[in-house]
């Protein structure tokens, strides 16, 4: 018989630098989970991200065990890193904060292709371009 899932958690944690403090410790503590069972394997698996935020999905089971899946760096962080801005625009349709090329979009789409709901690379690029436009970043050729 399969274990019953009692919680689905989403965390944004610095890769390779998870600690027992917030956000990891406070979130896992609420569910009665052993933090070190998550922290040590997570830090080992994500050391190539070296402090960049990564998205983690945890499934908590009724016997206080869990499984986790690292989805990598968020797309908005990758876009901001590529074009060198601190944050997106508060009014994306009026105020543009930067420009991104199709080649840069293709690099991001290639890195995230397994996690996007796209059939091919062209569709993935369109998804990433939409995220960029919603941040106030202009897409150029």
C-alpha atoms as a PDB file:
ATOM      1  CA  UNK A   1       0.000   0.000   0.000  1.00  0.00           C
ATOM      2  CA  UNK A   2       1.295   3.447  -0.900  1.00  0.00           C
ATOM      3  CA  UNK A   3       2.109   5.995   1.754  1.00  0.00           C
ATOM      4  CA  UNK A   4      -0.399   8.777   2.266  1.00  0.00           C
ATOM      5  CA  UNK A   5       0.862  12.240   1.305  1.00  0.00           C
ATOM      6  CA  UNK A   6      -0.013  14.783   3.980  1.00  0.00           C
ATOM      7  CA  UNK A   7       1.816  17.778   2.566  1.00  0.00           C
ATOM      8  CA  UNK A   8       3.355  19.260  -0.565  1.00  0.00           C
ATOM      9  CA  UNK A   9       5.911  21.954   0.195  1.00  0.00           C
ATOM     10  CA  UNK A  10       7.706  24.351  -2.117  1.00  0.00           C
ATOM     11  CA  UNK A  11      10.875  26.032  -0.901  1.00  0.00           C
ATOM     12  CA  UNK A  12      13.310  28.498  -2.418  1.00  0.00           C
ATOM     13  CA  UNK A  13      16.676  27.652  -0.861  1.00  0.00           C
ATOM     14  CA  UNK A  14      20.254  28.781  -1.636  1.00  0.00           C
ATOM     15  CA  UNK A  15      21.912  25.887  -3.470  1.00  0.00           C
ATOM     16  CA  UNK A  16      24.579  24.107  -1.451  1.00  0.00           C
ATOM     17  CA  UNK A  17      24.010  26.362   1.554  1.00  0.00           C
ATOM     18  CA  UNK A  18      20.881  25.065   3.286  1.00  0.00           C
ATOM     19  CA  UNK A  19      20.987  25.398   7.075  1.00  0.00           C
ATOM     20  CA  UNK A  20      18.738  24.465   9.965  1.00  0.00           C
ATOM     21  CA  UNK A  21      17.596  28.099  10.108  1.00  0.00           C
ATOM     22  CA  UNK A  22      14.784  29.625   8.089  1.00  0.00           C
ATOM     23  CA  UNK A  23      13.375  28.832   5.553  1.00  0.00           C
ATOM     24  CA  UNK A  24      14.338  25.149   5.786  1.00  0.00           C
ATOM     25  CA  UNK A  25      14.339  24.605   9.538  1.00  0.00           C
ATOM     26  CA  UNK A  26      11.103  26.404  10.301  1.00  0.00           C
ATOM     27  CA  UNK A  27       9.232  24.726   7.440  1.00  0.00           C
ATOM     28  CA  UNK A  28      10.435  21.177   8.077  1.00  0.00           C
ATOM     29  CA  UNK A  29      10.006  21.619  11.836  1.00  0.00           C
ATOM     30  CA  UNK A  30       6.301  22.373  11.398  1.00  0.00           C
ATOM     31  CA  UNK A  31       5.865  18.948   9.830  1.00  0.00           C
ATOM     32  CA  UNK A  32       7.976  17.139  12.442  1.00  0.00           C
ATOM     33  CA  UNK A  33      10.677  16.152   9.934  1.00  0.00           C
ATOM     34  CA  UNK A  34      14.361  15.589  10.624  1.00  0.00           C
ATOM     35  CA  UNK A  35      16.090  18.600   9.080  1.00  0.00           C
ATOM     36  CA  UNK A  36      19.474  16.956   8.653  1.00  0.00           C
ATOM     37  CA  UNK A  37      17.913  14.188   6.527  1.00  0.00           C
ATOM     38  CA  UNK A  38      17.157  16.957   4.027  1.00  0.00           C
ATOM     39  CA  UNK A  39      19.991  19.444   4.533  1.00  0.00           C
ATOM     40  CA  UNK A  40      23.000  17.166   3.980  1.00  0.00           C
ATOM     41  CA  UNK A  41      21.768  15.439   0.775  1.00  0.00           C
ATOM     42  CA  UNK A  42      20.426  18.758  -0.561  1.00  0.00           C
ATOM     43  CA  UNK A  43      23.714  20.581  -0.030  1.00  0.00           C
ATOM     44  CA  UNK A  44      25.617  17.738  -1.679  1.00  0.00           C
ATOM     45  CA  UNK A  45      23.272  17.603  -4.695  1.00  0.00           C
ATOM     46  CA  UNK A  46      23.142  21.364  -5.260  1.00  0.00           C
ATOM     47  CA  UNK A  47      26.697  22.474  -4.610  1.00  0.00           C
ATOM     48  CA  UNK A  48      27.107  23.461  -8.300  1.00  0.00           C
ATOM     49  CA  UNK A  49      24.512  26.238  -7.759  1.00  0.00           C
ATOM     50  CA  UNK A  50      26.770  27.711  -5.022  1.00  0.00           C
ATOM     51  CA  UNK A  51      24.385  30.072  -3.208  1.00  0.00           C
ATOM     52  CA  UNK A  52      22.000  30.794  -6.093  1.00  0.00           C
ATOM     53  CA  UNK A  53      18.383  30.201  -5.163  1.00  0.00           C
ATOM     54  CA  UNK A  54      16.884  26.895  -6.280  1.00  0.00           C
ATOM     55  CA  UNK A  55      13.311  25.648  -6.129  1.00  0.00           C
ATOM     56  CA  UNK A  56      12.692  22.469  -4.120  1.00  0.00           C
ATOM     57  CA  UNK A  57       9.455  20.468  -3.963  1.00  0.00           C
ATOM     58  CA  UNK A  58       8.987  18.214  -0.928  1.00  0.00           C
ATOM     59  CA  UNK A  59       6.317  15.577  -0.449  1.00  0.00           C
ATOM     60  CA  UNK A  60       5.631  14.779   3.215  1.00  0.00           C
ATOM     61  CA  UNK A  61       4.161  11.376   4.084  1.00  0.00           C
ATOM     62  CA  UNK A  62       2.064  10.363   7.089  1.00  0.00           C
ATOM     63  CA  UNK A  63       4.938   8.374   8.660  1.00  0.00           C
ATOM     64  CA  UNK A  64       7.059  11.579   8.799  1.00  0.00           C
ATOM     65  CA  UNK A  65       9.243  10.653   5.872  1.00  0.00           C
ATOM     66  CA  UNK A  66       9.607  12.770   2.779  1.00  0.00           C
ATOM     67  CA  UNK A  67      10.923  12.871  -0.753  1.00  0.00           C
ATOM     68  CA  UNK A  68      12.289  15.939  -2.473  1.00  0.00           C
ATOM     69  CA  UNK A  69      12.979  17.087  -5.992  1.00  0.00           C
ATOM     70  CA  UNK A  70      15.215  20.006  -6.944  1.00  0.00           C
ATOM     71  CA  UNK A  71      13.927  21.991  -9.939  1.00  0.00           C
ATOM     72  CA  UNK A  72      16.985  24.190 -10.290  1.00  0.00           C
ATOM     73  CA  UNK A  73      17.258  27.941 -10.548  1.00  0.00           C
ATOM     74  CA  UNK A  74      14.027  29.887 -11.223  1.00  0.00           C
ATOM     75  CA  UNK A  75      13.631  31.341 -14.723  1.00  0.00           C
ATOM     76  CA  UNK A  76      13.281  34.916 -13.462  1.00  0.00           C
ATOM     77  CA  UNK A  77      16.599  34.640 -11.629  1.00  0.00           C
ATOM     78  CA  UNK A  78      18.259  33.287 -14.774  1.00  0.00           C
ATOM     79  CA  UNK A  79      16.891  36.169 -16.858  1.00  0.00           C
ATOM     80  CA  UNK A  80      18.045  38.785 -14.350  1.00  0.00           C
ATOM     81  CA  UNK A  81      21.482  37.143 -14.190  1.00  0.00           C
ATOM     82  CA  UNK A  82      21.833  37.050 -18.004  1.00  0.00           C
ATOM     83  CA  UNK A  83      21.125  40.730 -18.520  1.00  0.00           C
ATOM     84  CA  UNK A  84      22.585  42.030 -15.262  1.00  0.00           C
ATOM     85  CA  UNK A  85      19.620  43.657 -13.525  1.00  0.00           C
ATOM     86  CA  UNK A  86      18.623  43.518  -9.865  1.00  0.00           C
ATOM     87  CA  UNK A  87      14.852  43.286 -10.301  1.00  0.00           C
ATOM     88  CA  UNK A  88      12.117  43.425 -12.881  1.00  0.00           C
ATOM     89  CA  UNK A  89       9.865  46.387 -13.634  1.00  0.00           C
ATOM     90  CA  UNK A  90       6.888  47.284 -11.484  1.00  0.00           C
ATOM     91  CA  UNK A  91       5.095  48.414 -14.663  1.00  0.00           C
ATOM     92  CA  UNK A  92       6.355  45.985 -17.327  1.00  0.00           C
ATOM     93  CA  UNK A  93       4.197  47.351 -20.155  1.00  0.00           C
ATOM     94  CA  UNK A  94       5.337  50.948 -19.557  1.00  0.00           C
ATOM     95  CA  UNK A  95       8.831  50.799 -18.049  1.00  0.00           C
ATOM     96  CA  UNK A  96      11.459  48.542 -19.630  1.00  0.00           C
ATOM     97  CA  UNK A  97      14.433  47.555 -17.461  1.00  0.00           C
ATOM     98  CA  UNK A  98      16.617  45.777 -20.000  1.00  0.00           C
ATOM     99  CA  UNK A  99      16.957  43.827 -23.224  1.00  0.00           C
ATOM    100  CA  UNK A 100      17.537  40.126 -23.848  1.00  0.00           C
ATOM    101  CA  UNK A 101      18.473  38.431 -27.112  1.00  0.00           C
ATOM    102  CA  UNK A 102      16.981  35.308 -28.656  1.00  0.00           C
ATOM    103  CA  UNK A 103      20.329  33.551 -28.145  1.00  0.00           C
ATOM    104  CA  UNK A 104      20.213  34.265 -24.408  1.00  0.00           C
ATOM    105  CA  UNK A 105      16.618  33.035 -24.292  1.00  0.00           C
ATOM    106  CA  UNK A 106      17.697  29.850 -26.071  1.00  0.00           C
ATOM    107  CA  UNK A 107      20.414  29.230 -23.455  1.00  0.00           C
ATOM    108  CA  UNK A 108      17.890  29.564 -20.631  1.00  0.00           C
ATOM    109  CA  UNK A 109      15.332  27.407 -22.471  1.00  0.00           C
ATOM    110  CA  UNK A 110      17.967  24.713 -23.051  1.00  0.00           C
ATOM    111  CA  UNK A 111      18.776  24.637 -19.327  1.00  0.00           C
ATOM    112  CA  UNK A 112      15.097  24.445 -18.312  1.00  0.00           C
ATOM    113  CA  UNK A 113      13.726  22.329 -21.211  1.00  0.00           C
ATOM    114  CA  UNK A 114      12.912  19.263 -19.085  1.00  0.00           C
ATOM    115  CA  UNK A 115      10.855  21.309 -16.632  1.00  0.00           C
ATOM    116  CA  UNK A 116       8.836  23.362 -19.116  1.00  0.00           C
ATOM    117  CA  UNK A 117       5.545  22.345 -20.679  1.00  0.00           C
ATOM    118  CA  UNK A 118       6.880  22.583 -24.224  1.00  0.00           C
ATOM    119  CA  UNK A 119       7.195  20.136 -27.102  1.00  0.00           C
ATOM    120  CA  UNK A 120      10.349  21.596 -28.593  1.00  0.00           C
ATOM    121  CA  UNK A 121      13.002  24.234 -28.047  1.00  0.00           C
ATOM    122  CA  UNK A 122      11.111  26.913 -30.012  1.00  0.00           C
ATOM    123  CA  UNK A 123       8.078  26.563 -27.734  1.00  0.00           C
ATOM    124  CA  UNK A 124      10.340  26.679 -24.663  1.00  0.00           C
ATOM    125  CA  UNK A 125      11.919  29.892 -25.946  1.00  0.00           C
ATOM    126  CA  UNK A 126       8.442  31.432 -26.300  1.00  0.00           C
ATOM    127  CA  UNK A 127       7.661  30.525 -22.676  1.00  0.00           C
ATOM    128  CA  UNK A 128      10.896  32.102 -21.430  1.00  0.00           C
ATOM    129  CA  UNK A 129      10.295  35.180 -23.615  1.00  0.00           C
ATOM    130  CA  UNK A 130       6.858  35.603 -22.026  1.00  0.00           C
ATOM    131  CA  UNK A 131       8.434  35.504 -18.571  1.00  0.00           C
ATOM    132  CA  UNK A 132      10.974  38.115 -19.667  1.00  0.00           C
ATOM    133  CA  UNK A 133       8.281  40.418 -21.069  1.00  0.00           C
ATOM    134  CA  UNK A 134       6.265  40.139 -17.847  1.00  0.00           C
ATOM    135  CA  UNK A 135       9.362  41.365 -15.968  1.00  0.00           C
ATOM    136  CA  UNK A 136       9.690  44.435 -18.204  1.00  0.00           C
ATOM    137  CA  UNK A 137      12.541  43.007 -20.276  1.00  0.00           C
ATOM    138  CA  UNK A 138      12.425  43.704 -24.012  1.00  0.00           C
ATOM    139  CA  UNK A 139      13.077  40.727 -26.309  1.00  0.00           C
ATOM    140  CA  UNK A 140      15.277  41.613 -29.304  1.00  0.00           C
ATOM    141  CA  UNK A 141      16.636  39.564 -32.226  1.00  0.00           C
END
